[in-house]
Amino acid sequence: YLALLQERLSVTTSQKRERNRRHIERRFRRFCALLIVIVAAVEVLVVLGSWIITAVRPDIAMRSLFSADGLRWLFGQSTKALATDVLVWLIMMCVASGAVVYSRLCSVFVKHPLSYRQWVALRFVFVEVLAYVVMISLLTLVPHAALLSVTGHLFPSSFSTSIVPQLAILATICSLTYGWVCGTVRGLDGMLTMLSKGIEHLAPLFVLYILVAELYFTLLFIRF
């Protein structure tokens, strides 16, 4: 009877966790959809506003996307403007966040007590984090370190420009190790699923990024 009761409680807990996850995901998608509509509306207003202003005041220091230069930029350079460091950071952070959640590494901060396999996995993760800290310290803190700038400063330097990818890679590696040791990630298929879960759930951010980047570079082009 106690075993049956515990099984029912575990099923009820997992169902509640799944409902909460779906609720959070729905609210996240609605929020992203609202932001996408707002940014798209601002983009349309900026394009039409620049066209009207340049038509009324041709002598003003502003360019329109409907001009010859604007059309050439729109068809020839707008896609290149999207290939920024922010896009790479966004992809890597999505992969890392999905890996942390799918491997259940984040559950160690809320689930107590931990099982034996979880404690062993955490020790592996601790060793990896410690090795990363030691390696970065040797590459940044010693005199004439490789990741320091020409002037010997840490900011800006090669380290500061790559800190986001470094953290994303570290989180992904730790999640892989934790998942393999705990058994939450099994085989190459499970690893691929773990690495793609974050992109799957955070896909609206890529649509939002495209619109925000287009708006930003449009503003730079028309020179407000």
N, C-alpha and C. Protein backbone atom coordinates (compact mmCIF):
# COMPACT_ATOMS: atom_id res chain seq x y z
N TYR A 1 0.83 -1.21 0.00
CA TYR A 1 0.00 0.00 0.00
C TYR A 1 0.86 1.26 0.00
N LEU A 2 1.92 1.27 0.82
CA LEU A 2 2.79 2.43 0.85
C LEU A 2 3.50 2.64 -0.49
N ALA A 3 3.91 1.55 -1.11
CA ALA A 3 4.57 1.66 -2.42
C ALA A 3 3.60 2.23 -3.45
N LEU A 4 2.34 1.78 -3.43
CA LEU A 4 1.34 2.30 -4.35
C LEU A 4 1.07 3.77 -4.11
N LEU A 5 1.02 4.15 -2.82
CA LEU A 5 0.80 5.55 -2.48
C LEU A 5 1.95 6.43 -2.95
N GLN A 6 3.18 5.96 -2.75
CA GLN A 6 4.35 6.72 -3.22
C GLN A 6 4.36 6.86 -4.73
N GLU A 7 3.95 5.79 -5.42
CA GLU A 7 3.90 5.85 -6.88
C GLU A 7 2.88 6.87 -7.36
N ARG A 8 1.72 6.88 -6.70
CA ARG A 8 0.70 7.86 -7.07
C ARG A 8 1.15 9.29 -6.79
N LEU A 9 1.83 9.47 -5.66
CA LEU A 9 2.33 10.80 -5.34
C LEU A 9 3.37 11.27 -6.35
N SER A 10 4.26 10.35 -6.76
CA SER A 10 5.27 10.72 -7.74
C SER A 10 4.64 11.06 -9.08
N VAL A 11 3.61 10.31 -9.47
CA VAL A 11 2.91 10.61 -10.73
C VAL A 11 2.23 11.96 -10.65
N THR A 12 1.57 12.23 -9.51
CA THR A 12 0.91 13.52 -9.34
C THR A 12 1.91 14.67 -9.37
N THR A 13 3.06 14.48 -8.74
CA THR A 13 4.09 15.53 -8.75
C THR A 13 4.62 15.77 -10.16
N SER A 14 4.87 14.71 -10.90
CA SER A 14 5.36 14.87 -12.28
C SER A 14 4.32 15.54 -13.16
N GLN A 15 3.04 15.23 -12.95
CA GLN A 15 1.98 15.87 -13.73
C GLN A 15 1.90 17.36 -13.41
N LYS A 16 2.01 17.71 -12.13
CA LYS A 16 2.01 19.12 -11.76
C LYS A 16 3.21 19.85 -12.35
N ARG A 17 4.36 19.21 -12.33
CA ARG A 17 5.56 19.83 -12.90
C ARG A 17 5.40 20.05 -14.40
N GLU A 18 4.79 19.08 -15.08
CA GLU A 18 4.57 19.21 -16.52
C GLU A 18 3.57 20.32 -16.83
N ARG A 19 2.51 20.42 -16.02
CA ARG A 19 1.53 21.50 -16.23
C ARG A 19 2.17 22.86 -16.00
N ASN A 20 2.98 22.98 -14.96
CA ASN A 20 3.66 24.25 -14.70
C ASN A 20 4.61 24.62 -15.84
N ARG A 21 5.32 23.61 -16.37
CA ARG A 21 6.23 23.87 -17.47
C ARG A 21 5.48 24.35 -18.70
N ARG A 22 4.37 23.71 -19.01
CA ARG A 22 3.59 24.12 -20.17
C ARG A 22 2.99 25.50 -19.97
N HIS A 23 2.58 25.80 -18.73
CA HIS A 23 2.02 27.13 -18.46
C HIS A 23 3.08 28.21 -18.65
N ILE A 24 4.27 27.97 -18.13
CA ILE A 24 5.37 28.95 -18.29
C ILE A 24 5.73 29.11 -19.76
N GLU A 25 5.75 28.01 -20.49
CA GLU A 25 6.09 28.07 -21.92
C GLU A 25 5.05 28.86 -22.70
N ARG A 26 3.77 28.66 -22.38
CA ARG A 26 2.70 29.43 -23.05
C ARG A 26 2.83 30.90 -22.76
N ARG A 27 3.09 31.27 -21.52
CA ARG A 27 3.23 32.68 -21.17
C ARG A 27 4.47 33.29 -21.84
N PHE A 28 5.54 32.52 -21.93
CA PHE A 28 6.74 33.00 -22.60
C PHE A 28 6.48 33.26 -24.07
N ARG A 29 5.77 32.35 -24.73
CA ARG A 29 5.48 32.53 -26.15
C ARG A 29 4.54 33.72 -26.37
N ARG A 30 3.59 33.91 -25.50
CA ARG A 30 2.70 35.07 -25.64
C ARG A 30 3.46 36.37 -25.46
N PHE A 31 4.37 36.40 -24.50
CA PHE A 31 5.18 37.60 -24.27
C PHE A 31 6.06 37.88 -25.48
N CYS A 32 6.68 36.83 -26.03
CA CYS A 32 7.51 37.02 -27.23
C CYS A 32 6.67 37.48 -28.41
N ALA A 33 5.48 36.92 -28.55
CA ALA A 33 4.60 37.33 -29.65
C ALA A 33 4.22 38.80 -29.53
N LEU A 34 3.96 39.26 -28.31
CA LEU A 34 3.65 40.68 -28.10
C LEU A 34 4.82 41.56 -28.48
N LEU A 35 6.02 41.18 -28.05
CA LEU A 35 7.21 41.95 -28.40
C LEU A 35 7.46 41.96 -29.91
N ILE A 36 7.21 40.82 -30.57
CA ILE A 36 7.40 40.74 -32.01
C ILE A 36 6.46 41.69 -32.74
N VAL A 37 5.21 41.74 -32.31
CA VAL A 37 4.24 42.64 -32.93
C VAL A 37 4.66 44.10 -32.72
N ILE A 38 5.11 44.43 -31.51
CA ILE A 38 5.52 45.81 -31.21
C ILE A 38 6.73 46.21 -32.05
N VAL A 39 7.74 45.35 -32.12
CA VAL A 39 8.95 45.67 -32.89
C VAL A 39 8.62 45.77 -34.37
N ALA A 40 7.78 44.87 -34.88
CA ALA A 40 7.40 44.94 -36.29
C ALA A 40 6.65 46.22 -36.60
N ALA A 41 5.77 46.64 -35.69
CA ALA A 41 5.04 47.89 -35.89
C ALA A 41 5.98 49.10 -35.89
N VAL A 42 6.94 49.10 -34.98
CA VAL A 42 7.92 50.19 -34.94
C VAL A 42 8.75 50.21 -36.22
N GLU A 43 9.12 49.04 -36.72
CA GLU A 43 9.88 48.96 -37.97
C GLU A 43 9.10 49.58 -39.13
N VAL A 44 7.82 49.25 -39.21
CA VAL A 44 6.99 49.82 -40.28
C VAL A 44 6.88 51.33 -40.14
N LEU A 45 6.69 51.80 -38.90
CA LEU A 45 6.59 53.24 -38.68
C LEU A 45 7.89 53.95 -39.04
N VAL A 46 9.01 53.35 -38.70
CA VAL A 46 10.31 53.96 -39.02
C VAL A 46 10.50 54.05 -40.53
N VAL A 47 10.19 52.98 -41.24
CA VAL A 47 10.36 52.97 -42.70
C VAL A 47 9.45 53.99 -43.36
N LEU A 48 8.17 53.98 -42.99
CA LEU A 48 7.23 54.93 -43.59
C LEU A 48 7.55 56.36 -43.16
N GLY A 49 7.93 56.54 -41.89
CA GLY A 49 8.26 57.88 -41.41
C GLY A 49 9.46 58.47 -42.11
N SER A 50 10.50 57.66 -42.32
CA SER A 50 11.68 58.17 -43.03
C SER A 50 11.35 58.50 -44.48
N TRP A 51 10.49 57.72 -45.09
CA TRP A 51 10.10 57.99 -46.48
C TRP A 51 9.31 59.30 -46.58
N ILE A 52 8.38 59.50 -45.64
CA ILE A 52 7.57 60.73 -45.67
C ILE A 52 8.43 61.95 -45.37
N ILE A 53 9.32 61.84 -44.39
CA ILE A 53 10.15 62.98 -44.01
C ILE A 53 11.10 63.37 -45.13
N THR A 54 11.73 62.37 -45.76
CA THR A 54 12.65 62.68 -46.86
C THR A 54 11.90 63.22 -48.08
N ALA A 55 10.63 62.82 -48.24
CA ALA A 55 9.85 63.35 -49.36
C ALA A 55 9.46 64.80 -49.10
N VAL A 56 9.14 65.14 -47.86
CA VAL A 56 8.75 66.51 -47.52
C VAL A 56 9.97 67.41 -47.40
N ARG A 57 11.04 66.89 -46.79
CA ARG A 57 12.26 67.67 -46.59
C ARG A 57 13.43 66.96 -47.25
N PRO A 58 13.66 67.13 -48.54
CA PRO A 58 14.76 66.43 -49.21
C PRO A 58 16.14 66.86 -48.72
N ASP A 59 16.24 68.05 -48.12
CA ASP A 59 17.54 68.54 -47.68
C ASP A 59 17.94 68.03 -46.30
N ILE A 60 17.07 67.29 -45.64
CA ILE A 60 17.36 66.81 -44.29
C ILE A 60 18.37 65.65 -44.35
N ALA A 61 19.17 65.53 -43.31
CA ALA A 61 20.20 64.48 -43.26
C ALA A 61 19.57 63.15 -42.84
N MET A 62 18.84 62.57 -43.76
CA MET A 62 18.16 61.31 -43.50
C MET A 62 17.97 60.57 -44.82
N ARG A 63 18.06 59.25 -44.77
CA ARG A 63 17.87 58.45 -45.98
C ARG A 63 16.64 57.57 -45.82
N SER A 64 16.03 57.25 -46.92
CA SER A 64 14.83 56.42 -46.93
C SER A 64 15.15 55.06 -47.52
N LEU A 65 14.46 54.03 -47.01
CA LEU A 65 14.65 52.70 -47.55
C LEU A 65 14.01 52.54 -48.93
N PHE A 66 13.15 53.49 -49.32
CA PHE A 66 12.53 53.42 -50.63
C PHE A 66 13.35 54.14 -51.69
N SER A 67 14.48 54.71 -51.29
CA SER A 67 15.37 55.33 -52.27
C SER A 67 16.23 54.26 -52.93
N ALA A 68 17.03 54.67 -53.92
CA ALA A 68 17.89 53.71 -54.61
C ALA A 68 18.92 53.11 -53.66
N ASP A 69 19.53 53.97 -52.83
CA ASP A 69 20.50 53.46 -51.85
C ASP A 69 19.83 52.55 -50.83
N GLY A 70 18.63 52.94 -50.42
CA GLY A 70 17.91 52.13 -49.44
C GLY A 70 17.54 50.76 -49.96
N LEU A 71 17.09 50.68 -51.20
CA LEU A 71 16.75 49.39 -51.79
C LEU A 71 17.98 48.52 -51.98
N ARG A 72 19.09 49.14 -52.39
CA ARG A 72 20.32 48.36 -52.53
C ARG A 72 20.78 47.82 -51.19
N TRP A 73 20.67 48.64 -50.13
CA TRP A 73 21.04 48.17 -48.79
C TRP A 73 20.09 47.07 -48.33
N LEU A 74 18.80 47.25 -48.58
CA LEU A 74 17.81 46.28 -48.11
C LEU A 74 18.01 44.91 -48.75
N PHE A 75 18.31 44.87 -50.04
CA PHE A 75 18.45 43.59 -50.72
C PHE A 75 19.87 43.05 -50.67
N GLY A 76 20.85 43.90 -50.44
CA GLY A 76 22.22 43.44 -50.49
C GLY A 76 22.94 43.33 -49.16
N GLN A 77 22.55 44.13 -48.17
CA GLN A 77 23.31 44.19 -46.93
C GLN A 77 22.50 43.84 -45.68
N SER A 78 21.17 43.83 -45.78
CA SER A 78 20.38 43.63 -44.56
C SER A 78 20.58 42.24 -43.98
N THR A 79 20.73 41.21 -44.85
CA THR A 79 20.95 39.86 -44.32
C THR A 79 22.34 39.73 -43.69
N LYS A 80 23.33 40.43 -44.24
CA LYS A 80 24.67 40.38 -43.65
C LYS A 80 24.67 41.04 -42.27
N ALA A 81 23.79 42.02 -42.09
CA ALA A 81 23.74 42.70 -40.79
C ALA A 81 23.26 41.79 -39.67
N LEU A 82 22.56 40.71 -40.03
CA LEU A 82 22.05 39.80 -39.00
C LEU A 82 23.14 38.90 -38.44
N ALA A 83 24.23 38.73 -39.17
CA ALA A 83 25.31 37.84 -38.73
C ALA A 83 26.21 38.56 -37.73
N THR A 84 25.73 38.69 -36.50
CA THR A 84 26.45 39.39 -35.45
C THR A 84 26.87 38.41 -34.35
N ASP A 85 27.69 38.90 -33.44
CA ASP A 85 28.09 38.09 -32.29
C ASP A 85 26.88 37.76 -31.40
N VAL A 86 25.91 38.65 -31.37
CA VAL A 86 24.73 38.41 -30.54
C VAL A 86 23.98 37.16 -30.99
N LEU A 87 23.91 36.93 -32.30
CA LEU A 87 23.24 35.74 -32.81
C LEU A 87 23.96 34.47 -32.37
N VAL A 88 25.29 34.48 -32.42
CA VAL A 88 26.07 33.33 -31.96
C VAL A 88 25.86 33.12 -30.46
N TRP A 89 25.89 34.21 -29.70
CA TRP A 89 25.65 34.08 -28.26
C TRP A 89 24.27 33.52 -27.97
N LEU A 90 23.27 33.98 -28.72
CA LEU A 90 21.90 33.52 -28.51
C LEU A 90 21.78 32.03 -28.79
N ILE A 91 22.38 31.56 -29.88
CA ILE A 91 22.32 30.13 -30.20
C ILE A 91 22.99 29.31 -29.12
N MET A 92 24.19 29.73 -28.69
CA MET A 92 24.93 28.95 -27.70
C MET A 92 24.24 28.96 -26.34
N MET A 93 23.65 30.10 -25.96
CA MET A 93 22.94 30.16 -24.68
C MET A 93 21.66 29.33 -24.71
N CYS A 94 21.00 29.27 -25.86
CA CYS A 94 19.81 28.42 -25.99
C CYS A 94 20.19 26.95 -25.85
N VAL A 95 21.29 26.55 -26.50
CA VAL A 95 21.76 25.17 -26.38
C VAL A 95 22.13 24.85 -24.93
N ALA A 96 22.83 25.78 -24.28
CA ALA A 96 23.26 25.55 -22.90
C ALA A 96 22.07 25.48 -21.94
N SER A 97 21.11 26.38 -22.08
CA SER A 97 19.95 26.37 -21.19
C SER A 97 19.13 25.11 -21.37
N GLY A 98 18.95 24.67 -22.63
CA GLY A 98 18.23 23.42 -22.85
C GLY A 98 18.95 22.22 -22.27
N ALA A 99 20.28 22.22 -22.36
CA ALA A 99 21.06 21.12 -21.80
C ALA A 99 20.94 21.08 -20.28
N VAL A 100 20.99 22.24 -19.64
CA VAL A 100 20.89 22.29 -18.18
C VAL A 100 19.54 21.78 -17.70
N VAL A 101 18.47 22.17 -18.41
CA VAL A 101 17.13 21.74 -18.01
C VAL A 101 16.89 20.27 -18.32
N TYR A 102 17.26 19.84 -19.54
CA TYR A 102 16.99 18.46 -19.96
C TYR A 102 17.77 17.45 -19.14
N SER A 103 19.02 17.78 -18.79
CA SER A 103 19.82 16.87 -17.98
C SER A 103 19.42 16.88 -16.51
N ARG A 104 18.54 17.82 -16.14
CA ARG A 104 18.05 17.98 -14.76
C ARG A 104 19.15 18.44 -13.81
N LEU A 105 20.16 19.11 -14.38
CA LEU A 105 21.19 19.67 -13.52
C LEU A 105 20.63 20.78 -12.64
N CYS A 106 19.65 21.51 -13.17
CA CYS A 106 19.06 22.60 -12.38
C CYS A 106 18.24 22.08 -11.21
N SER A 107 17.84 20.81 -11.24
CA SER A 107 17.00 20.27 -10.16
C SER A 107 17.77 20.06 -8.87
N VAL A 108 19.10 20.05 -8.95
CA VAL A 108 19.88 19.83 -7.72
C VAL A 108 19.75 21.00 -6.76
N PHE A 109 19.32 22.16 -7.25
CA PHE A 109 19.18 23.32 -6.38
C PHE A 109 17.83 23.35 -5.66
N VAL A 110 16.89 22.50 -6.10
CA VAL A 110 15.55 22.50 -5.49
C VAL A 110 15.17 21.13 -4.94
N LYS A 111 15.87 20.09 -5.36
CA LYS A 111 15.51 18.74 -4.93
C LYS A 111 16.45 18.29 -3.82
N HIS A 112 15.88 17.97 -2.66
CA HIS A 112 16.66 17.46 -1.53
C HIS A 112 15.84 16.37 -0.84
N PRO A 113 16.46 15.30 -0.39
CA PRO A 113 17.89 15.00 -0.51
C PRO A 113 18.22 14.44 -1.90
N LEU A 114 19.49 14.51 -2.26
CA LEU A 114 19.94 14.02 -3.55
C LEU A 114 20.29 12.54 -3.46
N SER A 115 20.13 11.84 -4.57
CA SER A 115 20.48 10.43 -4.61
C SER A 115 22.00 10.26 -4.72
N TYR A 116 22.44 9.01 -4.59
CA TYR A 116 23.88 8.74 -4.65
C TYR A 116 24.44 9.10 -6.03
N ARG A 117 23.72 8.74 -7.09
CA ARG A 117 24.20 9.02 -8.45
C ARG A 117 24.27 10.53 -8.70
N GLN A 118 23.34 11.28 -8.10
CA GLN A 118 23.38 12.73 -8.25
C GLN A 118 24.60 13.33 -7.55
N TRP A 119 24.92 12.80 -6.37
CA TRP A 119 26.10 13.30 -5.66
C TRP A 119 27.37 12.99 -6.45
N VAL A 120 27.46 11.80 -7.04
CA VAL A 120 28.63 11.44 -7.85
C VAL A 120 28.71 12.36 -9.08
N ALA A 121 27.56 12.60 -9.72
CA ALA A 121 27.55 13.47 -10.89
C ALA A 121 27.96 14.89 -10.53
N LEU A 122 27.51 15.37 -9.38
CA LEU A 122 27.89 16.71 -8.94
C LEU A 122 29.39 16.81 -8.68
N ARG A 123 29.99 15.75 -8.22
CA ARG A 123 31.44 15.77 -8.01
C ARG A 123 32.18 15.89 -9.34
N PHE A 124 31.70 15.18 -10.35
CA PHE A 124 32.30 15.32 -11.68
C PHE A 124 32.14 16.75 -12.19
N VAL A 125 30.96 17.31 -12.00
CA VAL A 125 30.71 18.69 -12.43
C VAL A 125 31.62 19.66 -11.69
N PHE A 126 31.80 19.45 -10.40
CA PHE A 126 32.68 20.31 -9.61
C PHE A 126 34.12 20.24 -10.13
N VAL A 127 34.58 19.05 -10.47
CA VAL A 127 35.95 18.90 -11.00
C VAL A 127 36.07 19.65 -12.32
N GLU A 128 35.07 19.57 -13.17
CA GLU A 128 35.11 20.27 -14.46
C GLU A 128 35.13 21.78 -14.27
N VAL A 129 34.29 22.28 -13.38
CA VAL A 129 34.27 23.72 -13.11
C VAL A 129 35.60 24.17 -12.52
N LEU A 130 36.15 23.38 -11.61
CA LEU A 130 37.44 23.72 -11.01
C LEU A 130 38.55 23.73 -12.07
N ALA A 131 38.54 22.76 -12.97
CA ALA A 131 39.54 22.72 -14.04
C ALA A 131 39.40 23.93 -14.96
N TYR A 132 38.16 24.34 -15.22
CA TYR A 132 37.94 25.53 -16.06
C TYR A 132 38.47 26.78 -15.37
N VAL A 133 38.19 26.91 -14.08
CA VAL A 133 38.65 28.09 -13.35
C VAL A 133 40.18 28.15 -13.33
N VAL A 134 40.82 27.01 -13.10
CA VAL A 134 42.29 26.97 -13.09
C VAL A 134 42.86 27.33 -14.45
N MET A 135 42.27 26.78 -15.51
CA MET A 135 42.76 27.05 -16.87
C MET A 135 42.61 28.53 -17.22
N ILE A 136 41.43 29.10 -16.92
CA ILE A 136 41.21 30.52 -17.22
C ILE A 136 42.12 31.40 -16.38
N SER A 137 42.37 31.01 -15.13
CA SER A 137 43.27 31.79 -14.28
C SER A 137 44.68 31.81 -14.85
N LEU A 138 45.14 30.66 -15.35
CA LEU A 138 46.48 30.61 -15.95
C LEU A 138 46.56 31.42 -17.23
N LEU A 139 45.44 31.53 -17.93
CA LEU A 139 45.44 32.24 -19.21
C LEU A 139 45.15 33.74 -19.07
N THR A 140 44.78 34.18 -17.87
CA THR A 140 44.41 35.59 -17.71
C THR A 140 45.12 36.30 -16.57
N LEU A 141 45.49 35.60 -15.51
CA LEU A 141 45.99 36.27 -14.31
C LEU A 141 47.51 36.33 -14.23
N VAL A 142 48.19 35.42 -14.90
CA VAL A 142 49.66 35.45 -14.83
C VAL A 142 50.19 36.57 -15.74
N PRO A 143 51.39 37.08 -15.48
CA PRO A 143 51.96 38.13 -16.35
C PRO A 143 52.11 37.64 -17.79
N HIS A 144 51.79 38.53 -18.72
CA HIS A 144 51.88 38.25 -20.16
C HIS A 144 51.03 37.04 -20.55
N ALA A 145 49.85 36.94 -19.94
CA ALA A 145 48.95 35.83 -20.24
C ALA A 145 48.43 35.94 -21.68
N ALA A 146 48.07 34.80 -22.24
CA ALA A 146 47.70 34.75 -23.66
C ALA A 146 46.39 35.47 -23.94
N LEU A 147 45.46 35.47 -22.98
CA LEU A 147 44.14 36.06 -23.23
C LEU A 147 44.05 37.53 -22.84
N LEU A 148 45.14 38.12 -22.38
CA LEU A 148 45.12 39.53 -22.06
C LEU A 148 45.27 40.36 -23.33
N SER A 149 44.87 41.62 -23.25
CA SER A 149 44.99 42.51 -24.39
C SER A 149 46.45 42.90 -24.59
N VAL A 150 46.72 43.65 -25.65
CA VAL A 150 48.08 44.08 -25.94
C VAL A 150 48.64 44.95 -24.82
N THR A 151 47.74 45.73 -24.20
CA THR A 151 48.16 46.61 -23.11
C THR A 151 48.20 45.89 -21.76
N GLY A 152 47.84 44.59 -21.74
CA GLY A 152 47.88 43.84 -20.50
C GLY A 152 46.63 43.91 -19.66
N HIS A 153 45.53 44.42 -20.22
CA HIS A 153 44.28 44.54 -19.48
C HIS A 153 43.36 43.36 -19.77
N LEU A 154 42.47 43.09 -18.81
CA LEU A 154 41.52 41.99 -18.96
C LEU A 154 40.27 42.43 -19.69
N PHE A 155 39.91 43.71 -19.55
CA PHE A 155 38.75 44.27 -20.24
C PHE A 155 39.18 45.56 -20.94
N PRO A 156 39.09 45.64 -22.27
CA PRO A 156 38.69 44.56 -23.19
C PRO A 156 39.87 43.67 -23.53
N SER A 157 39.57 42.43 -23.87
CA SER A 157 40.60 41.47 -24.25
C SER A 157 39.92 40.30 -24.94
N SER A 158 40.71 39.32 -25.33
CA SER A 158 40.15 38.12 -25.94
C SER A 158 39.26 37.37 -24.96
N PHE A 159 39.60 37.46 -23.68
CA PHE A 159 38.78 36.79 -22.66
C PHE A 159 37.41 37.45 -22.54
N SER A 160 37.37 38.77 -22.48
CA SER A 160 36.10 39.46 -22.28
C SER A 160 35.17 39.31 -23.48
N THR A 161 35.72 39.25 -24.69
CA THR A 161 34.87 39.11 -25.87
C THR A 161 34.32 37.69 -26.04
N SER A 162 34.91 36.73 -25.34
CA SER A 162 34.46 35.34 -25.49
C SER A 162 33.88 34.78 -24.20
N ILE A 163 33.55 35.63 -23.25
CA ILE A 163 33.09 35.12 -21.95
C ILE A 163 31.73 34.45 -22.05
N VAL A 164 30.84 34.97 -22.91
CA VAL A 164 29.52 34.35 -23.07
C VAL A 164 29.63 32.97 -23.70
N PRO A 165 30.35 32.80 -24.83
CA PRO A 165 30.52 31.44 -25.35
C PRO A 165 31.22 30.50 -24.38
N GLN A 166 32.18 31.02 -23.61
CA GLN A 166 32.86 30.17 -22.63
C GLN A 166 31.88 29.61 -21.60
N LEU A 167 31.04 30.48 -21.05
CA LEU A 167 30.08 30.03 -20.05
C LEU A 167 29.07 29.07 -20.65
N ALA A 168 28.66 29.32 -21.89
CA ALA A 168 27.70 28.42 -22.55
C ALA A 168 28.31 27.04 -22.77
N ILE A 169 29.55 27.00 -23.23
CA ILE A 169 30.22 25.72 -23.44
C ILE A 169 30.43 24.99 -22.13
N LEU A 170 30.82 25.72 -21.08
CA LEU A 170 31.01 25.10 -19.77
C LEU A 170 29.71 24.50 -19.25
N ALA A 171 28.61 25.25 -19.37
CA ALA A 171 27.31 24.74 -18.91
C ALA A 171 26.88 23.52 -19.71
N THR A 172 27.15 23.52 -21.01
CA THR A 172 26.78 22.38 -21.84
C THR A 172 27.59 21.14 -21.47
N ILE A 173 28.89 21.30 -21.29
CA ILE A 173 29.74 20.16 -20.93
C ILE A 173 29.35 19.61 -19.56
N CYS A 174 29.11 20.49 -18.60
CA CYS A 174 28.70 20.03 -17.26
C CYS A 174 27.36 19.31 -17.31
N SER A 175 26.44 19.80 -18.14
CA SER A 175 25.14 19.14 -18.27
C SER A 175 25.28 17.76 -18.90
N LEU A 176 26.13 17.65 -19.93
CA LEU A 176 26.37 16.34 -20.53
C LEU A 176 26.94 15.35 -19.52
N THR A 177 27.93 15.80 -18.75
CA THR A 177 28.53 14.93 -17.75
C THR A 177 27.51 14.52 -16.69
N TYR A 178 26.76 15.48 -16.20
CA TYR A 178 25.75 15.19 -15.17
C TYR A 178 24.70 14.22 -15.70
N GLY A 179 24.25 14.46 -16.94
CA GLY A 179 23.22 13.59 -17.50
C GLY A 179 23.70 12.17 -17.72
N TRP A 180 24.94 12.01 -18.19
CA TRP A 180 25.48 10.67 -18.41
C TRP A 180 25.67 9.92 -17.11
N VAL A 181 26.20 10.60 -16.10
CA VAL A 181 26.43 9.92 -14.81
C VAL A 181 25.12 9.57 -14.13
N CYS A 182 24.15 10.50 -14.18
CA CYS A 182 22.86 10.26 -13.52
C CYS A 182 21.95 9.32 -14.31
N GLY A 183 22.17 9.24 -15.61
CA GLY A 183 21.32 8.41 -16.43
C GLY A 183 20.16 9.14 -17.08
N THR A 184 20.11 10.47 -16.94
CA THR A 184 19.05 11.23 -17.59
C THR A 184 19.31 11.43 -19.08
N VAL A 185 20.56 11.26 -19.50
CA VAL A 185 20.94 11.34 -20.91
C VAL A 185 21.57 10.01 -21.28
N ARG A 186 20.97 9.32 -22.26
CA ARG A 186 21.44 7.98 -22.63
C ARG A 186 21.66 7.91 -24.14
N GLY A 187 22.87 7.59 -24.52
CA GLY A 187 23.19 7.39 -25.92
C GLY A 187 23.35 8.68 -26.69
N LEU A 188 23.74 8.52 -27.95
CA LEU A 188 23.94 9.69 -28.80
C LEU A 188 22.61 10.36 -29.14
N ASP A 189 21.55 9.57 -29.25
CA ASP A 189 20.24 10.15 -29.53
C ASP A 189 19.78 11.06 -28.40
N GLY A 190 19.99 10.61 -27.16
CA GLY A 190 19.63 11.45 -26.02
C GLY A 190 20.48 12.70 -25.94
N MET A 191 21.77 12.59 -26.30
CA MET A 191 22.63 13.76 -26.29
C MET A 191 22.17 14.79 -27.32
N LEU A 192 21.82 14.32 -28.53
CA LEU A 192 21.34 15.24 -29.55
C LEU A 192 20.03 15.89 -29.15
N THR A 193 19.15 15.11 -28.54
CA THR A 193 17.88 15.68 -28.06
C THR A 193 18.12 16.75 -27.01
N MET A 194 19.06 16.48 -26.10
CA MET A 194 19.37 17.45 -25.05
C MET A 194 19.92 18.75 -25.63
N LEU A 195 20.79 18.64 -26.63
CA LEU A 195 21.42 19.83 -27.20
C LEU A 195 20.45 20.65 -28.06
N SER A 196 19.37 20.04 -28.52
CA SER A 196 18.43 20.76 -29.38
C SER A 196 17.17 21.21 -28.65
N LYS A 197 16.97 20.77 -27.41
CA LYS A 197 15.76 21.13 -26.67
C LYS A 197 15.67 22.63 -26.43
N GLY A 198 16.80 23.25 -26.09
CA GLY A 198 16.77 24.68 -25.81
C GLY A 198 16.38 25.49 -27.03
N ILE A 199 16.92 25.14 -28.20
CA ILE A 199 16.56 25.86 -29.42
C ILE A 199 15.08 25.64 -29.76
N GLU A 200 14.60 24.43 -29.50
CA GLU A 200 13.19 24.13 -29.78
C GLU A 200 12.25 24.98 -28.93
N HIS A 201 12.54 25.09 -27.64
CA HIS A 201 11.64 25.82 -26.75
C HIS A 201 11.84 27.33 -26.81
N LEU A 202 13.04 27.78 -27.15
CA LEU A 202 13.33 29.21 -27.20
C LEU A 202 13.36 29.76 -28.62
N ALA A 203 12.74 29.05 -29.55
CA ALA A 203 12.73 29.47 -30.95
C ALA A 203 12.13 30.87 -31.16
N PRO A 204 11.11 31.30 -30.40
CA PRO A 204 10.60 32.67 -30.60
C PRO A 204 11.65 33.76 -30.43
N LEU A 205 12.70 33.49 -29.65
CA LEU A 205 13.75 34.49 -29.47
C LEU A 205 14.49 34.78 -30.77
N PHE A 206 14.59 33.80 -31.65
CA PHE A 206 15.28 34.01 -32.92
C PHE A 206 14.47 34.92 -33.83
N VAL A 207 13.15 34.75 -33.83
CA VAL A 207 12.29 35.65 -34.60
C VAL A 207 12.39 37.07 -34.05
N LEU A 208 12.38 37.17 -32.73
CA LEU A 208 12.50 38.49 -32.11
C LEU A 208 13.86 39.12 -32.41
N TYR A 209 14.91 38.31 -32.41
CA TYR A 209 16.24 38.83 -32.72
C TYR A 209 16.30 39.38 -34.14
N ILE A 210 15.72 38.67 -35.10
CA ILE A 210 15.75 39.13 -36.50
C ILE A 210 15.09 40.49 -36.62
N LEU A 211 13.92 40.65 -35.99
CA LEU A 211 13.21 41.92 -36.10
C LEU A 211 13.95 43.05 -35.38
N VAL A 212 14.48 42.77 -34.20
CA VAL A 212 15.21 43.80 -33.45
C VAL A 212 16.48 44.20 -34.20
N ALA A 213 17.19 43.24 -34.75
CA ALA A 213 18.41 43.55 -35.50
C ALA A 213 18.09 44.37 -36.75
N GLU A 214 17.03 44.00 -37.44
CA GLU A 214 16.63 44.76 -38.63
C GLU A 214 16.25 46.19 -38.26
N LEU A 215 15.54 46.35 -37.16
CA LEU A 215 15.17 47.69 -36.71
C LEU A 215 16.40 48.50 -36.34
N TYR A 216 17.33 47.89 -35.63
CA TYR A 216 18.54 48.60 -35.21
C TYR A 216 19.36 49.06 -36.42
N PHE A 217 19.60 48.16 -37.36
CA PHE A 217 20.42 48.52 -38.52
C PHE A 217 19.66 49.43 -39.49
N THR A 218 18.33 49.36 -39.47
CA THR A 218 17.56 50.32 -40.26
C THR A 218 17.72 51.73 -39.71
N LEU A 219 17.71 51.83 -38.39
CA LEU A 219 17.92 53.14 -37.77
C LEU A 219 19.32 53.67 -38.07
N LEU A 220 20.30 52.78 -38.07
CA LEU A 220 21.66 53.21 -38.42
C LEU A 220 21.75 53.66 -39.87
N PHE A 221 21.01 52.99 -40.75
CA PHE A 221 21.09 53.36 -42.16
C PHE A 221 20.44 54.71 -42.44
N ILE A 222 19.25 54.91 -41.89
CA ILE A 222 18.57 56.19 -42.19
C ILE A 222 19.16 57.33 -41.39
N ARG A 223 20.00 57.02 -40.38
CA ARG A 223 20.75 58.04 -39.63
C ARG A 223 19.82 59.04 -38.95
N PHE A 224 19.12 58.52 -37.99
CA PHE A 224 18.31 59.43 -37.18
C PHE A 224 19.23 60.36 -36.39
